[in-house]
mmCIF file of all heavy atoms, coordinates in Angstrom:
data_MODEL
# 
_entry.id   MODEL 
# 
loop_
_atom_site.group_PDB 
_atom_site.id 
_atom_site.type_symbol 
_atom_site.label_atom_id 
_atom_site.label_alt_id 
_atom_site.label_comp_id 
_atom_site.label_asym_id 
_atom_site.label_entity_id 
_atom_site.label_seq_id 
_atom_site.pdbx_PDB_ins_code 
_atom_site.Cartn_x 
_atom_site.Cartn_y 
_atom_site.Cartn_z 
_atom_site.occupancy 
_atom_site.B_iso_or_equiv 
_atom_site.pdbx_formal_charge 
_atom_site.auth_seq_id 
_atom_site.auth_comp_id 
_atom_site.auth_asym_id 
_atom_site.auth_atom_id 
_atom_site.pdbx_PDB_model_num 
ATOM 1   N N   . SER A 1 1  ? 41.314 30.635 81.516 1.00 0.00 ? 1  SER A N   1 
ATOM 2   C CA  . SER A 1 1  ? 41.708 29.813 80.355 1.00 0.00 ? 1  SER A CA  1 
ATOM 3   C C   . SER A 1 1  ? 42.445 30.655 79.387 1.00 0.00 ? 1  SER A C   1 
ATOM 4   O O   . SER A 1 1  ? 42.268 31.862 79.309 1.00 0.00 ? 1  SER A O   1 
ATOM 5   C CB  . SER A 1 1  ? 40.418 29.278 79.665 1.00 0.00 ? 1  SER A CB  1 
ATOM 6   O OG  . SER A 1 1  ? 39.654 28.462 80.556 1.00 0.00 ? 1  SER A OG  1 
ATOM 7   N N   . CYS A 1 2  ? 43.297 30.020 78.660 1.00 0.00 ? 2  CYS A N   1 
ATOM 8   C CA  . CYS A 1 2  ? 44.092 30.670 77.603 1.00 0.00 ? 2  CYS A CA  1 
ATOM 9   C C   . CYS A 1 2  ? 44.079 29.733 76.402 1.00 0.00 ? 2  CYS A C   1 
ATOM 10  O O   . CYS A 1 2  ? 44.689 28.646 76.454 1.00 0.00 ? 2  CYS A O   1 
ATOM 11  C CB  . CYS A 1 2  ? 45.534 30.943 78.072 1.00 0.00 ? 2  CYS A CB  1 
ATOM 12  S SG  . CYS A 1 2  ? 46.619 31.531 76.748 1.00 0.00 ? 2  CYS A SG  1 
ATOM 13  N N   . VAL A 1 3  ? 43.451 30.177 75.309 1.00 0.00 ? 3  VAL A N   1 
ATOM 14  C CA  . VAL A 1 3  ? 43.361 29.383 74.124 1.00 0.00 ? 3  VAL A CA  1 
ATOM 15  C C   . VAL A 1 3  ? 44.394 29.876 73.130 1.00 0.00 ? 3  VAL A C   1 
ATOM 16  O O   . VAL A 1 3  ? 44.446 31.091 72.845 1.00 0.00 ? 3  VAL A O   1 
ATOM 17  C CB  . VAL A 1 3  ? 41.978 29.384 73.490 1.00 0.00 ? 3  VAL A CB  1 
ATOM 18  C CG1 . VAL A 1 3  ? 41.949 28.597 72.219 1.00 0.00 ? 3  VAL A CG1 1 
ATOM 19  C CG2 . VAL A 1 3  ? 40.957 28.868 74.482 1.00 0.00 ? 3  VAL A CG2 1 
ATOM 20  N N   . ALA A 1 4  ? 45.198 28.977 72.632 1.00 0.00 ? 4  ALA A N   1 
ATOM 21  C CA  . ALA A 1 4  ? 46.268 29.356 71.659 1.00 0.00 ? 4  ALA A CA  1 
ATOM 22  C C   . ALA A 1 4  ? 45.849 28.906 70.246 1.00 0.00 ? 4  ALA A C   1 
ATOM 23  O O   . ALA A 1 4  ? 45.206 27.853 70.037 1.00 0.00 ? 4  ALA A O   1 
ATOM 24  C CB  . ALA A 1 4  ? 47.577 28.703 72.029 1.00 0.00 ? 4  ALA A CB  1 
ATOM 25  N N   . SER A 1 5  ? 46.315 29.708 69.283 1.00 0.00 ? 5  SER A N   1 
ATOM 26  C CA  . SER A 1 5  ? 45.980 29.340 67.872 1.00 0.00 ? 5  SER A CA  1 
ATOM 27  C C   . SER A 1 5  ? 47.089 29.945 66.991 1.00 0.00 ? 5  SER A C   1 
ATOM 28  O O   . SER A 1 5  ? 47.883 30.799 67.417 1.00 0.00 ? 5  SER A O   1 
ATOM 29  C CB  . SER A 1 5  ? 44.629 29.860 67.487 1.00 0.00 ? 5  SER A CB  1 
ATOM 30  O OG  . SER A 1 5  ? 44.601 31.263 67.509 1.00 0.00 ? 5  SER A OG  1 
ATOM 31  N N   . GLY A 1 6  ? 47.116 29.461 65.794 1.00 0.00 ? 6  GLY A N   1 
ATOM 32  C CA  . GLY A 1 6  ? 48.066 29.944 64.801 1.00 0.00 ? 6  GLY A CA  1 
ATOM 33  C C   . GLY A 1 6  ? 48.177 28.941 63.709 1.00 0.00 ? 6  GLY A C   1 
ATOM 34  O O   . GLY A 1 6  ? 47.839 27.771 63.880 1.00 0.00 ? 6  GLY A O   1 
ATOM 35  N N   . ARG A 1 7  ? 48.578 29.435 62.577 1.00 0.00 ? 7  ARG A N   1 
ATOM 36  C CA  . ARG A 1 7  ? 48.576 28.600 61.378 1.00 0.00 ? 7  ARG A CA  1 
ATOM 37  C C   . ARG A 1 7  ? 49.360 27.310 61.541 1.00 0.00 ? 7  ARG A C   1 
ATOM 38  O O   . ARG A 1 7  ? 48.959 26.269 61.089 1.00 0.00 ? 7  ARG A O   1 
ATOM 39  C CB  . ARG A 1 7  ? 49.066 29.401 60.131 1.00 0.00 ? 7  ARG A CB  1 
ATOM 40  C CG  . ARG A 1 7  ? 48.811 28.702 58.851 1.00 0.00 ? 7  ARG A CG  1 
ATOM 41  C CD  . ARG A 1 7  ? 49.056 29.691 57.683 1.00 0.00 ? 7  ARG A CD  1 
ATOM 42  N NE  . ARG A 1 7  ? 50.448 30.183 57.678 1.00 0.00 ? 7  ARG A NE  1 
ATOM 43  C CZ  . ARG A 1 7  ? 51.410 29.564 57.055 1.00 0.00 ? 7  ARG A CZ  1 
ATOM 44  N NH1 . ARG A 1 7  ? 51.199 28.437 56.424 1.00 0.00 ? 7  ARG A NH1 1 
ATOM 45  N NH2 . ARG A 1 7  ? 52.688 30.065 57.063 1.00 0.00 ? 7  ARG A NH2 1 
ATOM 46  N N   . THR A 1 8  ? 50.483 27.412 62.204 1.00 0.00 ? 8  THR A N   1 
ATOM 47  C CA  . THR A 1 8  ? 51.346 26.219 62.430 1.00 0.00 ? 8  THR A CA  1 
ATOM 48  C C   . THR A 1 8  ? 51.531 25.883 63.879 1.00 0.00 ? 8  THR A C   1 
ATOM 49  O O   . THR A 1 8  ? 52.447 25.172 64.230 1.00 0.00 ? 8  THR A O   1 
ATOM 50  C CB  . THR A 1 8  ? 52.717 26.424 61.747 1.00 0.00 ? 8  THR A CB  1 
ATOM 51  O OG1 . THR A 1 8  ? 53.352 27.587 62.350 1.00 0.00 ? 8  THR A OG1 1 
ATOM 52  C CG2 . THR A 1 8  ? 52.580 26.672 60.257 1.00 0.00 ? 8  THR A CG2 1 
ATOM 53  N N   . PHE A 1 9  ? 50.649 26.391 64.686 1.00 0.00 ? 9  PHE A N   1 
ATOM 54  C CA  . PHE A 1 9  ? 50.794 26.266 66.162 1.00 0.00 ? 9  PHE A CA  1 
ATOM 55  C C   . PHE A 1 9  ? 50.593 24.795 66.566 1.00 0.00 ? 9  PHE A C   1 
ATOM 56  O O   . PHE A 1 9  ? 49.597 24.157 66.159 1.00 0.00 ? 9  PHE A O   1 
ATOM 57  C CB  . PHE A 1 9  ? 49.805 27.159 66.902 1.00 0.00 ? 9  PHE A CB  1 
ATOM 58  C CG  . PHE A 1 9  ? 49.915 27.013 68.370 1.00 0.00 ? 9  PHE A CG  1 
ATOM 59  C CD1 . PHE A 1 9  ? 50.899 27.723 69.071 1.00 0.00 ? 9  PHE A CD1 1 
ATOM 60  C CD2 . PHE A 1 9  ? 49.049 26.171 69.099 1.00 0.00 ? 9  PHE A CD2 1 
ATOM 61  C CE1 . PHE A 1 9  ? 51.024 27.567 70.464 1.00 0.00 ? 9  PHE A CE1 1 
ATOM 62  C CE2 . PHE A 1 9  ? 49.177 26.036 70.459 1.00 0.00 ? 9  PHE A CE2 1 
ATOM 63  C CZ  . PHE A 1 9  ? 50.157 26.775 71.135 1.00 0.00 ? 9  PHE A CZ  1 
ATOM 64  N N   . SER A 1 10 ? 51.493 24.311 67.454 1.00 0.00 ? 10 SER A N   1 
ATOM 65  C CA  . SER A 1 10 ? 51.338 23.069 68.111 1.00 0.00 ? 10 SER A CA  1 
ATOM 66  C C   . SER A 1 10 ? 51.683 23.261 69.579 1.00 0.00 ? 10 SER A C   1 
ATOM 67  O O   . SER A 1 10 ? 52.723 23.750 69.930 1.00 0.00 ? 10 SER A O   1 
ATOM 68  C CB  . SER A 1 10 ? 52.303 22.014 67.523 1.00 0.00 ? 10 SER A CB  1 
ATOM 69  O OG  . SER A 1 10 ? 52.260 20.809 68.318 1.00 0.00 ? 10 SER A OG  1 
ATOM 70  N N   . SER A 1 11 ? 50.719 22.831 70.436 1.00 0.00 ? 11 SER A N   1 
ATOM 71  C CA  . SER A 1 11 ? 50.920 23.070 71.868 1.00 0.00 ? 11 SER A CA  1 
ATOM 72  C C   . SER A 1 11 ? 52.189 22.368 72.392 1.00 0.00 ? 11 SER A C   1 
ATOM 73  O O   . SER A 1 11 ? 52.830 22.888 73.308 1.00 0.00 ? 11 SER A O   1 
ATOM 74  C CB  . SER A 1 11 ? 49.734 22.470 72.684 1.00 0.00 ? 11 SER A CB  1 
ATOM 75  O OG  . SER A 1 11 ? 48.617 23.340 72.490 1.00 0.00 ? 11 SER A OG  1 
ATOM 76  N N   . TYR A 1 12 ? 52.591 21.285 71.741 1.00 0.00 ? 12 TYR A N   1 
ATOM 77  C CA  . TYR A 1 12 ? 53.771 20.537 72.260 1.00 0.00 ? 12 TYR A CA  1 
ATOM 78  C C   . TYR A 1 12 ? 55.092 21.293 71.939 1.00 0.00 ? 12 TYR A C   1 
ATOM 79  O O   . TYR A 1 12 ? 56.113 20.898 72.420 1.00 0.00 ? 12 TYR A O   1 
ATOM 80  C CB  . TYR A 1 12 ? 53.832 19.143 71.635 1.00 0.00 ? 12 TYR A CB  1 
ATOM 81  C CG  . TYR A 1 12 ? 52.765 18.231 72.145 1.00 0.00 ? 12 TYR A CG  1 
ATOM 82  C CD1 . TYR A 1 12 ? 51.577 18.011 71.437 1.00 0.00 ? 12 TYR A CD1 1 
ATOM 83  C CD2 . TYR A 1 12 ? 52.897 17.605 73.389 1.00 0.00 ? 12 TYR A CD2 1 
ATOM 84  C CE1 . TYR A 1 12 ? 50.547 17.206 71.936 1.00 0.00 ? 12 TYR A CE1 1 
ATOM 85  C CE2 . TYR A 1 12 ? 51.901 16.804 73.881 1.00 0.00 ? 12 TYR A CE2 1 
ATOM 86  C CZ  . TYR A 1 12 ? 50.746 16.608 73.145 1.00 0.00 ? 12 TYR A CZ  1 
ATOM 87  O OH  . TYR A 1 12 ? 49.769 15.764 73.665 1.00 0.00 ? 12 TYR A OH  1 
ATOM 88  N N   . ASN A 1 13 ? 55.006 22.411 71.259 1.00 0.00 ? 13 ASN A N   1 
ATOM 89  C CA  . ASN A 1 13 ? 56.179 23.170 70.960 1.00 0.00 ? 13 ASN A CA  1 
ATOM 90  C C   . ASN A 1 13 ? 56.388 24.344 71.859 1.00 0.00 ? 13 ASN A C   1 
ATOM 91  O O   . ASN A 1 13 ? 57.373 25.090 71.741 1.00 0.00 ? 13 ASN A O   1 
ATOM 92  C CB  . ASN A 1 13 ? 56.158 23.662 69.477 1.00 0.00 ? 13 ASN A CB  1 
ATOM 93  C CG  . ASN A 1 13 ? 56.364 22.596 68.493 1.00 0.00 ? 13 ASN A CG  1 
ATOM 94  O OD1 . ASN A 1 13 ? 56.973 21.582 68.809 1.00 0.00 ? 13 ASN A OD1 1 
ATOM 95  N ND2 . ASN A 1 13 ? 55.855 22.789 67.294 1.00 0.00 ? 13 ASN A ND2 1 
ATOM 96  N N   . TYR A 1 14 ? 55.452 24.542 72.839 1.00 0.00 ? 14 TYR A N   1 
ATOM 97  C CA  . TYR A 1 14 ? 55.570 25.740 73.673 1.00 0.00 ? 14 TYR A CA  1 
ATOM 98  C C   . TYR A 1 14 ? 55.361 25.429 75.172 1.00 0.00 ? 14 TYR A C   1 
ATOM 99  O O   . TYR A 1 14 ? 54.378 24.762 75.564 1.00 0.00 ? 14 TYR A O   1 
ATOM 100 C CB  . TYR A 1 14 ? 54.476 26.768 73.271 1.00 0.00 ? 14 TYR A CB  1 
ATOM 101 C CG  . TYR A 1 14 ? 54.736 27.311 71.875 1.00 0.00 ? 14 TYR A CG  1 
ATOM 102 C CD1 . TYR A 1 14 ? 54.196 26.747 70.744 1.00 0.00 ? 14 TYR A CD1 1 
ATOM 103 C CD2 . TYR A 1 14 ? 55.563 28.451 71.742 1.00 0.00 ? 14 TYR A CD2 1 
ATOM 104 C CE1 . TYR A 1 14 ? 54.451 27.268 69.500 1.00 0.00 ? 14 TYR A CE1 1 
ATOM 105 C CE2 . TYR A 1 14 ? 55.837 28.980 70.508 1.00 0.00 ? 14 TYR A CE2 1 
ATOM 106 C CZ  . TYR A 1 14 ? 55.273 28.409 69.377 1.00 0.00 ? 14 TYR A CZ  1 
ATOM 107 O OH  . TYR A 1 14 ? 55.518 28.915 68.134 1.00 0.00 ? 14 TYR A OH  1 
ATOM 108 N N   . ASN A 1 15 ? 56.283 25.979 75.943 1.00 0.00 ? 15 ASN A N   1 
ATOM 109 C CA  . ASN A 1 15 ? 56.045 26.101 77.373 1.00 0.00 ? 15 ASN A CA  1 
ATOM 110 C C   . ASN A 1 15 ? 55.144 27.346 77.536 1.00 0.00 ? 15 ASN A C   1 
ATOM 111 O O   . ASN A 1 15 ? 55.257 28.303 76.769 1.00 0.00 ? 15 ASN A O   1 
ATOM 112 C CB  . ASN A 1 15 ? 57.332 26.296 78.152 1.00 0.00 ? 15 ASN A CB  1 
ATOM 113 C CG  . ASN A 1 15 ? 58.256 25.112 78.062 1.00 0.00 ? 15 ASN A CG  1 
ATOM 114 O OD1 . ASN A 1 15 ? 57.784 23.996 77.825 1.00 0.00 ? 15 ASN A OD1 1 
ATOM 115 N ND2 . ASN A 1 15 ? 59.522 25.317 78.235 1.00 0.00 ? 15 ASN A ND2 1 
ATOM 116 N N   . MET A 1 16 ? 54.276 27.323 78.591 1.00 0.00 ? 16 MET A N   1 
ATOM 117 C CA  . MET A 1 16 ? 53.350 28.380 78.775 1.00 0.00 ? 16 MET A CA  1 
ATOM 118 C C   . MET A 1 16 ? 53.520 29.020 80.151 1.00 0.00 ? 16 MET A C   1 
ATOM 119 O O   . MET A 1 16 ? 53.862 28.302 81.108 1.00 0.00 ? 16 MET A O   1 
ATOM 120 C CB  . MET A 1 16 ? 51.924 27.900 78.629 1.00 0.00 ? 16 MET A CB  1 
ATOM 121 C CG  . MET A 1 16 ? 51.620 27.266 77.258 1.00 0.00 ? 16 MET A CG  1 
ATOM 122 S SD  . MET A 1 16 ? 51.712 28.398 75.915 1.00 0.00 ? 16 MET A SD  1 
ATOM 123 C CE  . MET A 1 16 ? 50.279 29.483 76.258 1.00 0.00 ? 16 MET A CE  1 
ATOM 124 N N   . GLY A 1 17 ? 53.243 30.311 80.224 1.00 0.00 ? 17 GLY A N   1 
ATOM 125 C CA  . GLY A 1 17 ? 53.322 30.970 81.465 1.00 0.00 ? 17 GLY A CA  1 
ATOM 126 C C   . GLY A 1 17 ? 52.111 31.848 81.754 1.00 0.00 ? 17 GLY A C   1 
ATOM 127 O O   . GLY A 1 17 ? 51.425 32.241 80.843 1.00 0.00 ? 17 GLY A O   1 
ATOM 128 N N   . TRP A 1 18 ? 51.885 32.098 83.027 1.00 0.00 ? 18 TRP A N   1 
ATOM 129 C CA  . TRP A 1 18 ? 50.869 33.058 83.465 1.00 0.00 ? 18 TRP A CA  1 
ATOM 130 C C   . TRP A 1 18 ? 51.579 34.160 84.204 1.00 0.00 ? 18 TRP A C   1 
ATOM 131 O O   . TRP A 1 18 ? 52.431 33.910 85.099 1.00 0.00 ? 18 TRP A O   1 
ATOM 132 C CB  . TRP A 1 18 ? 49.845 32.418 84.379 1.00 0.00 ? 18 TRP A CB  1 
ATOM 133 C CG  . TRP A 1 18 ? 48.819 31.572 83.638 1.00 0.00 ? 18 TRP A CG  1 
ATOM 134 C CD1 . TRP A 1 18 ? 48.832 30.221 83.562 1.00 0.00 ? 18 TRP A CD1 1 
ATOM 135 C CD2 . TRP A 1 18 ? 47.608 32.032 83.026 1.00 0.00 ? 18 TRP A CD2 1 
ATOM 136 N NE1 . TRP A 1 18 ? 47.694 29.812 82.823 1.00 0.00 ? 18 TRP A NE1 1 
ATOM 137 C CE2 . TRP A 1 18 ? 46.935 30.875 82.500 1.00 0.00 ? 18 TRP A CE2 1 
ATOM 138 C CE3 . TRP A 1 18 ? 47.070 33.297 82.804 1.00 0.00 ? 18 TRP A CE3 1 
ATOM 139 C CZ2 . TRP A 1 18 ? 45.736 30.978 81.821 1.00 0.00 ? 18 TRP A CZ2 1 
ATOM 140 C CZ3 . TRP A 1 18 ? 45.873 33.397 82.098 1.00 0.00 ? 18 TRP A CZ3 1 
ATOM 141 C CH2 . TRP A 1 18 ? 45.230 32.255 81.627 1.00 0.00 ? 18 TRP A CH2 1 
ATOM 142 N N   . PHE A 1 19 ? 51.242 35.420 83.900 1.00 0.00 ? 19 PHE A N   1 
ATOM 143 C CA  . PHE A 1 19 ? 51.757 36.590 84.579 1.00 0.00 ? 19 PHE A CA  1 
ATOM 144 C C   . PHE A 1 19 ? 50.579 37.465 84.991 1.00 0.00 ? 19 PHE A C   1 
ATOM 145 O O   . PHE A 1 19 ? 49.432 37.276 84.571 1.00 0.00 ? 19 PHE A O   1 
ATOM 146 C CB  . PHE A 1 19 ? 52.651 37.387 83.625 1.00 0.00 ? 19 PHE A CB  1 
ATOM 147 C CG  . PHE A 1 19 ? 53.977 36.702 83.295 1.00 0.00 ? 19 PHE A CG  1 
ATOM 148 C CD1 . PHE A 1 19 ? 53.996 35.594 82.425 1.00 0.00 ? 19 PHE A CD1 1 
ATOM 149 C CD2 . PHE A 1 19 ? 55.155 37.100 83.867 1.00 0.00 ? 19 PHE A CD2 1 
ATOM 150 C CE1 . PHE A 1 19 ? 55.175 34.963 82.096 1.00 0.00 ? 19 PHE A CE1 1 
ATOM 151 C CE2 . PHE A 1 19 ? 56.344 36.467 83.517 1.00 0.00 ? 19 PHE A CE2 1 
ATOM 152 C CZ  . PHE A 1 19 ? 56.351 35.409 82.661 1.00 0.00 ? 19 PHE A CZ  1 
ATOM 153 N N   . ARG A 1 20 ? 50.827 38.424 85.836 1.00 0.00 ? 20 ARG A N   1 
ATOM 154 C CA  . ARG A 1 20 ? 49.819 39.380 86.278 1.00 0.00 ? 20 ARG A CA  1 
ATOM 155 C C   . ARG A 1 20 ? 50.413 40.745 86.478 1.00 0.00 ? 20 ARG A C   1 
ATOM 156 O O   . ARG A 1 20 ? 51.612 40.892 86.763 1.00 0.00 ? 20 ARG A O   1 
ATOM 157 C CB  . ARG A 1 20 ? 49.113 38.896 87.564 1.00 0.00 ? 20 ARG A CB  1 
ATOM 158 C CG  . ARG A 1 20 ? 49.958 38.866 88.792 1.00 0.00 ? 20 ARG A CG  1 
ATOM 159 C CD  . ARG A 1 20 ? 49.180 38.220 89.921 1.00 0.00 ? 20 ARG A CD  1 
ATOM 160 N NE  . ARG A 1 20 ? 49.991 38.143 91.143 1.00 0.00 ? 20 ARG A NE  1 
ATOM 161 C CZ  . ARG A 1 20 ? 49.589 37.545 92.245 1.00 0.00 ? 20 ARG A CZ  1 
ATOM 162 N NH1 . ARG A 1 20 ? 48.407 36.941 92.292 1.00 0.00 ? 20 ARG A NH1 1 
ATOM 163 N NH2 . ARG A 1 20 ? 50.338 37.527 93.329 1.00 0.00 ? 20 ARG A NH2 1 
ATOM 164 N N   . GLN A 1 21 ? 49.571 41.713 86.314 1.00 0.00 ? 21 GLN A N   1 
ATOM 165 C CA  . GLN A 1 21 ? 49.998 43.093 86.492 1.00 0.00 ? 21 GLN A CA  1 
ATOM 166 C C   . GLN A 1 21 ? 48.936 43.914 87.218 1.00 0.00 ? 21 GLN A C   1 
ATOM 167 O O   . GLN A 1 21 ? 47.798 44.059 86.706 1.00 0.00 ? 21 GLN A O   1 
ATOM 168 C CB  . GLN A 1 21 ? 50.334 43.798 85.157 1.00 0.00 ? 21 GLN A CB  1 
ATOM 169 C CG  . GLN A 1 21 ? 50.922 45.150 85.293 1.00 0.00 ? 21 GLN A CG  1 
ATOM 170 C CD  . GLN A 1 21 ? 51.557 45.623 83.978 1.00 0.00 ? 21 GLN A CD  1 
ATOM 171 O OE1 . GLN A 1 21 ? 51.214 45.138 82.940 1.00 0.00 ? 21 GLN A OE1 1 
ATOM 172 N NE2 . GLN A 1 21 ? 52.392 46.614 84.060 1.00 0.00 ? 21 GLN A NE2 1 
ATOM 173 N N   . ALA A 1 22 ? 49.263 44.308 88.424 1.00 0.00 ? 22 ALA A N   1 
ATOM 174 C CA  . ALA A 1 22 ? 48.368 45.116 89.259 1.00 0.00 ? 22 ALA A CA  1 
ATOM 175 C C   . ALA A 1 22 ? 48.608 46.620 88.882 1.00 0.00 ? 22 ALA A C   1 
ATOM 176 O O   . ALA A 1 22 ? 49.641 47.007 88.389 1.00 0.00 ? 22 ALA A O   1 
ATOM 177 C CB  . ALA A 1 22 ? 48.647 44.910 90.694 1.00 0.00 ? 22 ALA A CB  1 
ATOM 178 N N   . PRO A 1 23 ? 47.611 47.452 89.163 1.00 0.00 ? 23 PRO A N   1 
ATOM 179 C CA  . PRO A 1 23 ? 47.742 48.905 88.802 1.00 0.00 ? 23 PRO A CA  1 
ATOM 180 C C   . PRO A 1 23 ? 48.935 49.487 89.474 1.00 0.00 ? 23 PRO A C   1 
ATOM 181 O O   . PRO A 1 23 ? 49.195 49.337 90.687 1.00 0.00 ? 23 PRO A O   1 
ATOM 182 C CB  . PRO A 1 23 ? 46.431 49.467 89.405 1.00 0.00 ? 23 PRO A CB  1 
ATOM 183 C CG  . PRO A 1 23 ? 45.454 48.356 89.394 1.00 0.00 ? 23 PRO A CG  1 
ATOM 184 C CD  . PRO A 1 23 ? 46.279 47.100 89.693 1.00 0.00 ? 23 PRO A CD  1 
ATOM 185 N N   . GLY A 1 24 ? 49.757 50.211 88.677 1.00 0.00 ? 24 GLY A N   1 
ATOM 186 C CA  . GLY A 1 24 ? 50.938 50.860 89.211 1.00 0.00 ? 24 GLY A CA  1 
ATOM 187 C C   . GLY A 1 24 ? 52.109 49.935 89.486 1.00 0.00 ? 24 GLY A C   1 
ATOM 188 O O   . GLY A 1 24 ? 53.095 50.408 90.004 1.00 0.00 ? 24 GLY A O   1 
ATOM 189 N N   . LYS A 1 25 ? 51.962 48.667 89.118 1.00 0.00 ? 25 LYS A N   1 
ATOM 190 C CA  . LYS A 1 25 ? 53.092 47.766 89.428 1.00 0.00 ? 25 LYS A CA  1 
ATOM 191 C C   . LYS A 1 25 ? 53.581 47.100 88.096 1.00 0.00 ? 25 LYS A C   1 
ATOM 192 O O   . LYS A 1 25 ? 52.888 47.129 87.105 1.00 0.00 ? 25 LYS A O   1 
ATOM 193 C CB  . LYS A 1 25 ? 52.617 46.663 90.362 1.00 0.00 ? 25 LYS A CB  1 
ATOM 194 C CG  . LYS A 1 25 ? 52.292 47.167 91.740 1.00 0.00 ? 25 LYS A CG  1 
ATOM 195 C CD  . LYS A 1 25 ? 52.011 46.047 92.741 1.00 0.00 ? 25 LYS A CD  1 
ATOM 196 C CE  . LYS A 1 25 ? 51.798 46.556 94.143 1.00 0.00 ? 25 LYS A CE  1 
ATOM 197 N NZ  . LYS A 1 25 ? 51.550 45.466 95.109 1.00 0.00 ? 25 LYS A NZ  1 
ATOM 198 N N   . GLU A 1 26 ? 54.731 46.508 88.177 1.00 0.00 ? 26 GLU A N   1 
ATOM 199 C CA  . GLU A 1 26 ? 55.246 45.851 87.027 1.00 0.00 ? 26 GLU A CA  1 
ATOM 200 C C   . GLU A 1 26 ? 54.607 44.461 86.849 1.00 0.00 ? 26 GLU A C   1 
ATOM 201 O O   . GLU A 1 26 ? 54.111 43.876 87.803 1.00 0.00 ? 26 GLU A O   1 
ATOM 202 C CB  . GLU A 1 26 ? 56.779 45.677 87.166 1.00 0.00 ? 26 GLU A CB  1 
ATOM 203 C CG  . GLU A 1 26 ? 57.588 47.002 87.156 1.00 0.00 ? 26 GLU A CG  1 
ATOM 204 C CD  . GLU A 1 26 ? 59.046 46.766 87.142 1.00 0.00 ? 26 GLU A CD  1 
ATOM 205 O OE1 . GLU A 1 26 ? 59.501 45.632 87.328 1.00 0.00 ? 26 GLU A OE1 1 
ATOM 206 O OE2 . GLU A 1 26 ? 59.790 47.797 86.961 1.00 0.00 ? 26 GLU A OE2 1 
ATOM 207 N N   . ARG A 1 27 ? 54.684 43.986 85.634 1.00 0.00 ? 27 ARG A N   1 
ATOM 208 C CA  . ARG A 1 27 ? 54.117 42.659 85.356 1.00 0.00 ? 27 ARG A CA  1 
ATOM 209 C C   . ARG A 1 27 ? 55.001 41.631 86.045 1.00 0.00 ? 27 ARG A C   1 
ATOM 210 O O   . ARG A 1 27 ? 56.249 41.680 86.025 1.00 0.00 ? 27 ARG A O   1 
ATOM 211 C CB  . ARG A 1 27 ? 54.117 42.420 83.845 1.00 0.00 ? 27 ARG A CB  1 
ATOM 212 C CG  . ARG A 1 27 ? 53.340 41.210 83.456 1.00 0.00 ? 27 ARG A CG  1 
ATOM 213 C CD  . ARG A 1 27 ? 53.141 41.145 81.924 1.00 0.00 ? 27 ARG A CD  1 
ATOM 214 N NE  . ARG A 1 27 ? 52.398 42.329 81.428 1.00 0.00 ? 27 ARG A NE  1 
ATOM 215 C CZ  . ARG A 1 27 ? 51.977 42.410 80.166 1.00 0.00 ? 27 ARG A CZ  1 
ATOM 216 N NH1 . ARG A 1 27 ? 52.151 41.429 79.326 1.00 0.00 ? 27 ARG A NH1 1 
ATOM 217 N NH2 . ARG A 1 27 ? 51.339 43.493 79.795 1.00 0.00 ? 27 ARG A NH2 1 
ATOM 218 N N   . GLU A 1 28 ? 54.374 40.645 86.731 1.00 0.00 ? 28 GLU A N   1 
ATOM 219 C CA  . GLU A 1 28 ? 55.119 39.652 87.520 1.00 0.00 ? 28 GLU A CA  1 
ATOM 220 C C   . GLU A 1 28 ? 54.689 38.259 87.125 1.00 0.00 ? 28 GLU A C   1 
ATOM 221 O O   . GLU A 1 28 ? 53.548 37.995 86.734 1.00 0.00 ? 28 GLU A O   1 
ATOM 222 C CB  . GLU A 1 28 ? 54.923 39.885 89.005 1.00 0.00 ? 28 GLU A CB  1 
ATOM 223 C CG  . GLU A 1 28 ? 53.510 39.693 89.479 1.00 0.00 ? 28 GLU A CG  1 
ATOM 224 C CD  . GLU A 1 28 ? 53.406 39.745 91.004 1.00 0.00 ? 28 GLU A CD  1 
ATOM 225 O OE1 . GLU A 1 28 ? 54.426 39.995 91.679 1.00 0.00 ? 28 GLU A OE1 1 
ATOM 226 O OE2 . GLU A 1 28 ? 52.239 39.569 91.524 1.00 0.00 ? 28 GLU A OE2 1 
ATOM 227 N N   . PHE A 1 29 ? 55.606 37.350 87.345 1.00 0.00 ? 29 PHE A N   1 
ATOM 228 C CA  . PHE A 1 29 ? 55.399 35.906 87.070 1.00 0.00 ? 29 PHE A CA  1 
ATOM 229 C C   . PHE A 1 29 ? 54.473 35.347 88.056 1.00 0.00 ? 29 PHE A C   1 
ATOM 230 O O   . PHE A 1 29 ? 54.530 35.621 89.279 1.00 0.00 ? 29 PHE A O   1 
ATOM 231 C CB  . PHE A 1 29 ? 56.772 35.219 87.100 1.00 0.00 ? 29 PHE A CB  1 
ATOM 232 C CG  . PHE A 1 29 ? 56.649 33.694 87.050 1.00 0.00 ? 29 PHE A CG  1 
ATOM 233 C CD1 . PHE A 1 29 ? 56.403 33.054 85.868 1.00 0.00 ? 29 PHE A CD1 1 
ATOM 234 C CD2 . PHE A 1 29 ? 56.867 32.948 88.160 1.00 0.00 ? 29 PHE A CD2 1 
ATOM 235 C CE1 . PHE A 1 29 ? 56.295 31.674 85.831 1.00 0.00 ? 29 PHE A CE1 1 
ATOM 236 C CE2 . PHE A 1 29 ? 56.806 31.576 88.166 1.00 0.00 ? 29 PHE A CE2 1 
ATOM 237 C CZ  . PHE A 1 29 ? 56.516 30.941 86.980 1.00 0.00 ? 29 PHE A CZ  1 
# 
């Protein structure tokens, strides 16, 4: 889960992504 917050945050204003990073590797989509 990823919970977003912010003083003026609205979920409808953002596309969201998930990435991962394994040890010794670059972060990947």
